[in-house]
Amino acid sequence: MNISRRTWLAMGMSLGLTACLGGSAPIDVIRDFYMAVAAGNADKATQYLALQQVSADEMRLVKAKVEMMVAQGKSVVDANNGLAKIDMLQEDMAADGNSAKVKVQVTFKNGKTKNESFTVLKEDGNWKIRL
């Protein structure tokens, strides 16, 4: 099954159910996002996205797209017997400390893995995933 980067992003949002909103490090928000996706919780997943610049009118559209991504991501997680772990492979922090590029390896409970890349940034002091 081939899934898009946005679906993986949505899956990453689901993992965020076990940590604090925004996380204390870039990898935290990515894991939290994946936990939210795995749980099928689009509202929670949306909390881990950098949406500060999105207008109120655009937010309805963004939420609808996130709901679709989370549903698709959850089906992928379920098809692979769930999430086992998310490991950080590389983190390149910007000089100002307000953004980073992070590469992760998603491991499913059936042993399959998938490498993904994310850009995260700080919004109001919390790490968020940039779409």
N, C-alpha and C. Protein backbone atom coordinates (compact mmCIF):
# COMPACT_ATOMS: atom_id res chain seq x y z
N MET A 1 0.84 -1.16 0.00
CA MET A 1 0.00 0.00 0.00
C MET A 1 0.89 1.24 0.00
N ASN A 2 0.68 2.13 -0.93
CA ASN A 2 1.46 3.36 -1.04
C ASN A 2 0.66 4.50 -0.44
N ILE A 3 1.24 5.19 0.54
CA ILE A 3 0.53 6.30 1.15
C ILE A 3 1.36 7.56 1.04
N SER A 4 0.68 8.67 1.07
CA SER A 4 1.34 9.95 0.87
C SER A 4 2.05 10.43 2.13
N ARG A 5 2.94 11.41 1.92
CA ARG A 5 3.68 12.02 3.04
C ARG A 5 2.71 12.66 4.02
N ARG A 6 1.64 13.24 3.51
CA ARG A 6 0.65 13.88 4.40
C ARG A 6 -0.03 12.85 5.28
N THR A 7 -0.27 11.65 4.73
CA THR A 7 -0.88 10.60 5.54
C THR A 7 0.06 10.22 6.67
N TRP A 8 1.35 10.07 6.35
CA TRP A 8 2.32 9.74 7.40
C TRP A 8 2.38 10.86 8.42
N LEU A 9 2.27 12.08 7.95
CA LEU A 9 2.27 13.21 8.87
C LEU A 9 1.08 13.10 9.81
N ALA A 10 -0.06 12.79 9.25
CA ALA A 10 -1.25 12.63 10.08
C ALA A 10 -1.07 11.50 11.09
N MET A 11 -0.44 10.43 10.65
CA MET A 11 -0.18 9.32 11.55
C MET A 11 0.72 9.76 12.68
N GLY A 12 1.70 10.57 12.34
CA GLY A 12 2.62 11.05 13.35
C GLY A 12 1.92 11.88 14.40
N MET A 13 0.92 12.61 14.00
CA MET A 13 0.18 13.43 14.94
C MET A 13 -0.49 12.56 15.99
N SER A 14 -0.93 11.39 15.58
CA SER A 14 -1.65 10.53 16.50
C SER A 14 -0.79 10.05 17.64
N LEU A 15 0.45 9.87 17.42
CA LEU A 15 1.32 9.39 18.48
C LEU A 15 1.42 10.38 19.62
N GLY A 16 0.93 11.58 19.41
CA GLY A 16 1.04 12.63 20.40
C GLY A 16 0.16 12.48 21.61
N LEU A 17 -0.68 11.48 21.67
CA LEU A 17 -1.58 11.33 22.80
C LEU A 17 -0.86 11.07 24.11
N THR A 18 0.37 10.58 24.06
CA THR A 18 1.04 10.20 25.28
C THR A 18 1.97 11.28 25.83
N ALA A 19 2.10 12.38 25.14
CA ALA A 19 3.02 13.42 25.61
C ALA A 19 2.30 14.75 25.71
N CYS A 20 2.98 15.73 26.20
CA CYS A 20 2.40 17.07 26.34
C CYS A 20 2.23 17.71 24.98
N LEU A 21 1.23 18.55 24.87
CA LEU A 21 0.97 19.25 23.62
C LEU A 21 2.19 20.04 23.20
N GLY A 22 2.62 19.79 21.97
CA GLY A 22 3.76 20.52 21.43
C GLY A 22 5.09 19.87 21.72
N GLY A 23 5.20 19.14 22.80
CA GLY A 23 6.42 18.43 23.12
C GLY A 23 7.55 19.35 23.51
N SER A 24 8.51 18.78 24.22
CA SER A 24 9.65 19.56 24.65
C SER A 24 10.80 19.51 23.65
N ALA A 25 10.70 18.62 22.68
CA ALA A 25 11.71 18.49 21.63
C ALA A 25 10.99 18.15 20.32
N PRO A 26 11.62 18.42 19.18
CA PRO A 26 10.97 18.13 17.91
C PRO A 26 10.47 16.68 17.78
N ILE A 27 11.26 15.71 18.24
CA ILE A 27 10.83 14.31 18.12
C ILE A 27 9.57 14.05 18.93
N ASP A 28 9.39 14.77 20.04
CA ASP A 28 8.21 14.57 20.87
C ASP A 28 6.92 14.88 20.12
N VAL A 29 6.91 16.00 19.41
CA VAL A 29 5.69 16.39 18.70
C VAL A 29 5.41 15.41 17.55
N ILE A 30 6.44 14.89 16.92
CA ILE A 30 6.26 13.91 15.85
C ILE A 30 5.68 12.62 16.42
N ARG A 31 6.22 12.16 17.52
CA ARG A 31 5.67 10.95 18.16
C ARG A 31 4.23 11.18 18.60
N ASP A 32 3.98 12.34 19.19
CA ASP A 32 2.63 12.65 19.65
C ASP A 32 1.64 12.66 18.47
N PHE A 33 2.06 13.23 17.38
CA PHE A 33 1.22 13.27 16.18
C PHE A 33 0.89 11.85 15.72
N TYR A 34 1.89 10.99 15.63
CA TYR A 34 1.66 9.62 15.21
C TYR A 34 0.71 8.88 16.15
N MET A 35 0.80 9.14 17.44
CA MET A 35 -0.10 8.49 18.40
C MET A 35 -1.54 8.93 18.17
N ALA A 36 -1.74 10.20 17.89
CA ALA A 36 -3.09 10.70 17.61
C ALA A 36 -3.65 10.05 16.35
N VAL A 37 -2.83 9.91 15.32
CA VAL A 37 -3.27 9.26 14.09
C VAL A 37 -3.62 7.80 14.34
N ALA A 38 -2.75 7.10 15.04
CA ALA A 38 -2.99 5.68 15.33
C ALA A 38 -4.28 5.49 16.10
N ALA A 39 -4.64 6.48 16.92
CA ALA A 39 -5.88 6.42 17.70
C ALA A 39 -7.08 6.90 16.88
N GLY A 40 -6.82 7.45 15.69
CA GLY A 40 -7.90 7.97 14.87
C GLY A 40 -8.47 9.28 15.39
N ASN A 41 -7.69 10.03 16.15
CA ASN A 41 -8.14 11.25 16.79
C ASN A 41 -7.67 12.48 15.99
N ALA A 42 -8.49 12.90 15.04
CA ALA A 42 -8.13 14.02 14.16
C ALA A 42 -8.02 15.33 14.93
N ASP A 43 -8.89 15.54 15.93
CA ASP A 43 -8.81 16.78 16.70
C ASP A 43 -7.48 16.88 17.43
N LYS A 44 -7.05 15.80 18.04
CA LYS A 44 -5.77 15.78 18.75
C LYS A 44 -4.63 15.97 17.75
N ALA A 45 -4.69 15.28 16.62
CA ALA A 45 -3.65 15.38 15.61
C ALA A 45 -3.49 16.82 15.12
N THR A 46 -4.59 17.50 14.96
CA THR A 46 -4.56 18.89 14.48
C THR A 46 -3.80 19.79 15.44
N GLN A 47 -3.83 19.47 16.73
CA GLN A 47 -3.14 20.29 17.73
C GLN A 47 -1.63 20.28 17.55
N TYR A 48 -1.10 19.31 16.83
CA TYR A 48 0.35 19.19 16.64
C TYR A 48 0.83 19.82 15.33
N LEU A 49 -0.07 20.47 14.61
CA LEU A 49 0.28 21.09 13.33
C LEU A 49 0.51 22.59 13.51
N ALA A 50 1.43 23.13 12.75
CA ALA A 50 1.70 24.57 12.73
C ALA A 50 0.62 25.24 11.90
N LEU A 51 -0.36 25.79 12.58
CA LEU A 51 -1.52 26.37 11.89
C LEU A 51 -1.75 27.83 12.26
N GLN A 52 -0.78 28.45 12.90
CA GLN A 52 -0.92 29.82 13.37
C GLN A 52 -1.27 30.79 12.25
N GLN A 53 -0.76 30.54 11.06
CA GLN A 53 -0.98 31.44 9.94
C GLN A 53 -2.24 31.12 9.13
N VAL A 54 -3.02 30.13 9.57
CA VAL A 54 -4.22 29.72 8.85
C VAL A 54 -5.40 30.56 9.33
N SER A 55 -6.14 31.14 8.38
CA SER A 55 -7.30 31.96 8.75
C SER A 55 -8.44 31.07 9.23
N ALA A 56 -9.42 31.69 9.87
CA ALA A 56 -10.58 30.95 10.39
C ALA A 56 -11.32 30.24 9.25
N ASP A 57 -11.47 30.91 8.10
CA ASP A 57 -12.14 30.30 6.96
C ASP A 57 -11.37 29.10 6.43
N GLU A 58 -10.05 29.22 6.37
CA GLU A 58 -9.21 28.12 5.88
C GLU A 58 -9.15 26.97 6.87
N MET A 59 -9.36 27.25 8.14
CA MET A 59 -9.25 26.23 9.18
C MET A 59 -10.27 25.11 8.98
N ARG A 60 -11.46 25.43 8.52
CA ARG A 60 -12.47 24.39 8.26
C ARG A 60 -11.97 23.41 7.21
N LEU A 61 -11.35 23.94 6.17
CA LEU A 61 -10.82 23.09 5.11
C LEU A 61 -9.65 22.26 5.62
N VAL A 62 -8.77 22.87 6.40
CA VAL A 62 -7.62 22.16 6.96
C VAL A 62 -8.10 21.02 7.85
N LYS A 63 -9.08 21.28 8.70
CA LYS A 63 -9.59 20.24 9.60
C LYS A 63 -10.20 19.09 8.82
N ALA A 64 -10.91 19.39 7.73
CA ALA A 64 -11.49 18.33 6.90
C ALA A 64 -10.39 17.48 6.27
N LYS A 65 -9.33 18.11 5.80
CA LYS A 65 -8.22 17.37 5.20
C LYS A 65 -7.49 16.53 6.25
N VAL A 66 -7.31 17.08 7.45
CA VAL A 66 -6.66 16.33 8.51
C VAL A 66 -7.51 15.11 8.88
N GLU A 67 -8.82 15.27 8.95
CA GLU A 67 -9.70 14.14 9.25
C GLU A 67 -9.52 13.02 8.23
N MET A 68 -9.42 13.38 6.95
CA MET A 68 -9.19 12.38 5.89
C MET A 68 -7.83 11.71 6.06
N MET A 69 -6.80 12.51 6.33
CA MET A 69 -5.45 11.97 6.50
C MET A 69 -5.37 11.04 7.70
N VAL A 70 -6.01 11.43 8.78
CA VAL A 70 -5.99 10.60 9.99
C VAL A 70 -6.70 9.29 9.73
N ALA A 71 -7.84 9.32 9.07
CA ALA A 71 -8.57 8.09 8.77
C ALA A 71 -7.72 7.16 7.91
N GLN A 72 -7.08 7.70 6.89
CA GLN A 72 -6.22 6.88 6.04
C GLN A 72 -5.00 6.38 6.81
N GLY A 73 -4.40 7.24 7.61
CA GLY A 73 -3.24 6.84 8.41
C GLY A 73 -3.59 5.76 9.41
N LYS A 74 -4.75 5.88 10.06
CA LYS A 74 -5.18 4.88 11.03
C LYS A 74 -5.37 3.53 10.34
N SER A 75 -5.92 3.54 9.14
CA SER A 75 -6.11 2.27 8.42
C SER A 75 -4.76 1.62 8.09
N VAL A 76 -3.75 2.43 7.79
CA VAL A 76 -2.41 1.89 7.52
C VAL A 76 -1.82 1.31 8.80
N VAL A 77 -1.95 2.04 9.89
CA VAL A 77 -1.44 1.54 11.18
C VAL A 77 -2.14 0.23 11.54
N ASP A 78 -3.45 0.21 11.42
CA ASP A 78 -4.21 -1.00 11.73
C ASP A 78 -3.80 -2.17 10.84
N ALA A 79 -3.58 -1.90 9.56
CA ALA A 79 -3.18 -2.95 8.61
C ALA A 79 -1.81 -3.52 8.93
N ASN A 80 -1.01 -2.77 9.67
CA ASN A 80 0.33 -3.21 10.05
C ASN A 80 0.39 -3.59 11.53
N ASN A 81 -0.75 -3.94 12.10
CA ASN A 81 -0.87 -4.42 13.48
C ASN A 81 -0.51 -3.38 14.53
N GLY A 82 -0.53 -2.10 14.19
CA GLY A 82 -0.27 -1.03 15.14
C GLY A 82 1.14 -0.49 15.04
N LEU A 83 1.40 0.55 15.83
CA LEU A 83 2.71 1.18 15.87
C LEU A 83 3.55 0.56 16.98
N ALA A 84 4.80 0.28 16.67
CA ALA A 84 5.72 -0.24 17.67
C ALA A 84 6.55 0.90 18.26
N LYS A 85 7.14 1.73 17.38
CA LYS A 85 7.98 2.82 17.88
C LYS A 85 8.29 3.81 16.76
N ILE A 86 8.73 4.98 17.18
CA ILE A 86 9.19 6.04 16.27
C ILE A 86 10.59 6.41 16.74
N ASP A 87 11.58 6.20 15.90
CA ASP A 87 12.97 6.52 16.24
C ASP A 87 13.44 7.69 15.40
N MET A 88 14.15 8.62 16.06
CA MET A 88 14.75 9.73 15.33
C MET A 88 16.04 9.25 14.67
N LEU A 89 16.15 9.48 13.38
CA LEU A 89 17.36 9.13 12.64
C LEU A 89 18.31 10.31 12.54
N GLN A 90 17.73 11.52 12.41
CA GLN A 90 18.56 12.72 12.23
C GLN A 90 17.74 13.94 12.61
N GLU A 91 18.40 14.90 13.23
CA GLU A 91 17.77 16.19 13.54
C GLU A 91 18.74 17.29 13.17
N ASP A 92 18.30 18.20 12.31
CA ASP A 92 19.10 19.35 11.92
C ASP A 92 18.38 20.60 12.41
N MET A 93 18.87 21.13 13.53
CA MET A 93 18.27 22.30 14.16
C MET A 93 18.78 23.56 13.48
N ALA A 94 17.88 24.50 13.22
CA ALA A 94 18.26 25.80 12.66
C ALA A 94 19.10 26.56 13.69
N ALA A 95 19.92 27.46 13.21
CA ALA A 95 20.81 28.22 14.09
C ALA A 95 20.04 29.00 15.15
N ASP A 96 18.83 29.48 14.82
CA ASP A 96 18.06 30.25 15.79
C ASP A 96 17.28 29.36 16.78
N GLY A 97 17.30 28.04 16.56
CA GLY A 97 16.62 27.12 17.46
C GLY A 97 15.11 27.10 17.36
N ASN A 98 14.57 27.75 16.32
CA ASN A 98 13.12 27.84 16.17
C ASN A 98 12.53 26.92 15.11
N SER A 99 13.38 26.17 14.43
CA SER A 99 12.89 25.19 13.46
C SER A 99 13.92 24.08 13.33
N ALA A 100 13.46 22.95 12.83
CA ALA A 100 14.36 21.81 12.64
C ALA A 100 13.80 20.89 11.57
N LYS A 101 14.71 20.20 10.91
CA LYS A 101 14.34 19.14 9.98
C LYS A 101 14.66 17.83 10.70
N VAL A 102 13.67 16.95 10.73
CA VAL A 102 13.81 15.71 11.49
C VAL A 102 13.47 14.53 10.59
N LYS A 103 14.35 13.53 10.60
CA LYS A 103 14.10 12.28 9.89
C LYS A 103 13.82 11.22 10.94
N VAL A 104 12.74 10.46 10.72
CA VAL A 104 12.36 9.42 11.67
C VAL A 104 12.16 8.09 10.94
N GLN A 105 12.22 7.03 11.72
CA GLN A 105 11.87 5.71 11.21
C GLN A 105 10.67 5.23 12.03
N VAL A 106 9.58 4.96 11.32
CA VAL A 106 8.36 4.44 11.93
C VAL A 106 8.44 2.93 11.84
N THR A 107 8.30 2.26 12.97
CA THR A 107 8.30 0.80 13.00
C THR A 107 6.92 0.33 13.44
N PHE A 108 6.34 -0.54 12.62
CA PHE A 108 5.03 -1.10 12.93
C PHE A 108 5.20 -2.40 13.69
N LYS A 109 4.14 -2.83 14.33
CA LYS A 109 4.21 -4.06 15.13
C LYS A 109 4.43 -5.32 14.29
N ASN A 110 4.15 -5.25 12.99
CA ASN A 110 4.42 -6.40 12.13
C ASN A 110 5.86 -6.41 11.61
N GLY A 111 6.68 -5.46 12.08
CA GLY A 111 8.09 -5.41 11.72
C GLY A 111 8.42 -4.52 10.54
N LYS A 112 7.43 -4.08 9.79
CA LYS A 112 7.68 -3.19 8.65
C LYS A 112 8.11 -1.82 9.17
N THR A 113 8.94 -1.14 8.37
CA THR A 113 9.40 0.20 8.73
C THR A 113 9.19 1.15 7.57
N LYS A 114 9.18 2.43 7.90
CA LYS A 114 9.02 3.49 6.91
C LYS A 114 9.79 4.70 7.41
N ASN A 115 10.64 5.28 6.57
CA ASN A 115 11.38 6.49 6.93
C ASN A 115 10.61 7.71 6.42
N GLU A 116 10.54 8.73 7.27
CA GLU A 116 9.83 9.96 6.94
C GLU A 116 10.64 11.16 7.37
N SER A 117 10.41 12.29 6.70
CA SER A 117 11.07 13.55 7.06
C SER A 117 10.01 14.60 7.38
N PHE A 118 10.30 15.42 8.39
CA PHE A 118 9.40 16.46 8.82
C PHE A 118 10.17 17.76 9.04
N THR A 119 9.47 18.86 8.88
CA THR A 119 9.97 20.15 9.31
C THR A 119 9.08 20.56 10.48
N VAL A 120 9.72 20.89 11.59
CA VAL A 120 8.98 21.35 12.76
C VAL A 120 9.43 22.75 13.10
N LEU A 121 8.53 23.51 13.71
CA LEU A 121 8.87 24.87 14.10
C LEU A 121 8.17 25.22 15.39
N LYS A 122 8.65 26.26 16.01
CA LYS A 122 8.06 26.70 17.26
C LYS A 122 6.97 27.72 16.99
N GLU A 123 5.81 27.47 17.60
CA GLU A 123 4.71 28.42 17.60
C GLU A 123 4.37 28.65 19.07
N ASP A 124 4.48 29.87 19.51
CA ASP A 124 4.19 30.21 20.91
C ASP A 124 4.95 29.32 21.88
N GLY A 125 6.20 29.01 21.53
CA GLY A 125 7.06 28.23 22.40
C GLY A 125 6.89 26.72 22.32
N ASN A 126 5.94 26.23 21.53
CA ASN A 126 5.70 24.79 21.38
C ASN A 126 6.10 24.33 19.99
N TRP A 127 6.70 23.13 19.92
CA TRP A 127 7.05 22.55 18.64
C TRP A 127 5.79 22.10 17.92
N LYS A 128 5.71 22.41 16.62
CA LYS A 128 4.58 22.04 15.77
C LYS A 128 5.13 21.52 14.44
N ILE A 129 4.37 20.68 13.79
CA ILE A 129 4.74 20.11 12.50
C ILE A 129 4.24 21.03 11.39
N ARG A 130 5.13 21.39 10.49
CA ARG A 130 4.73 22.21 9.34
C ARG A 130 4.25 21.30 8.23
N LEU A 131 3.08 21.61 7.71
CA LEU A 131 2.54 20.84 6.59
C LEU A 131 3.20 21.23 5.31
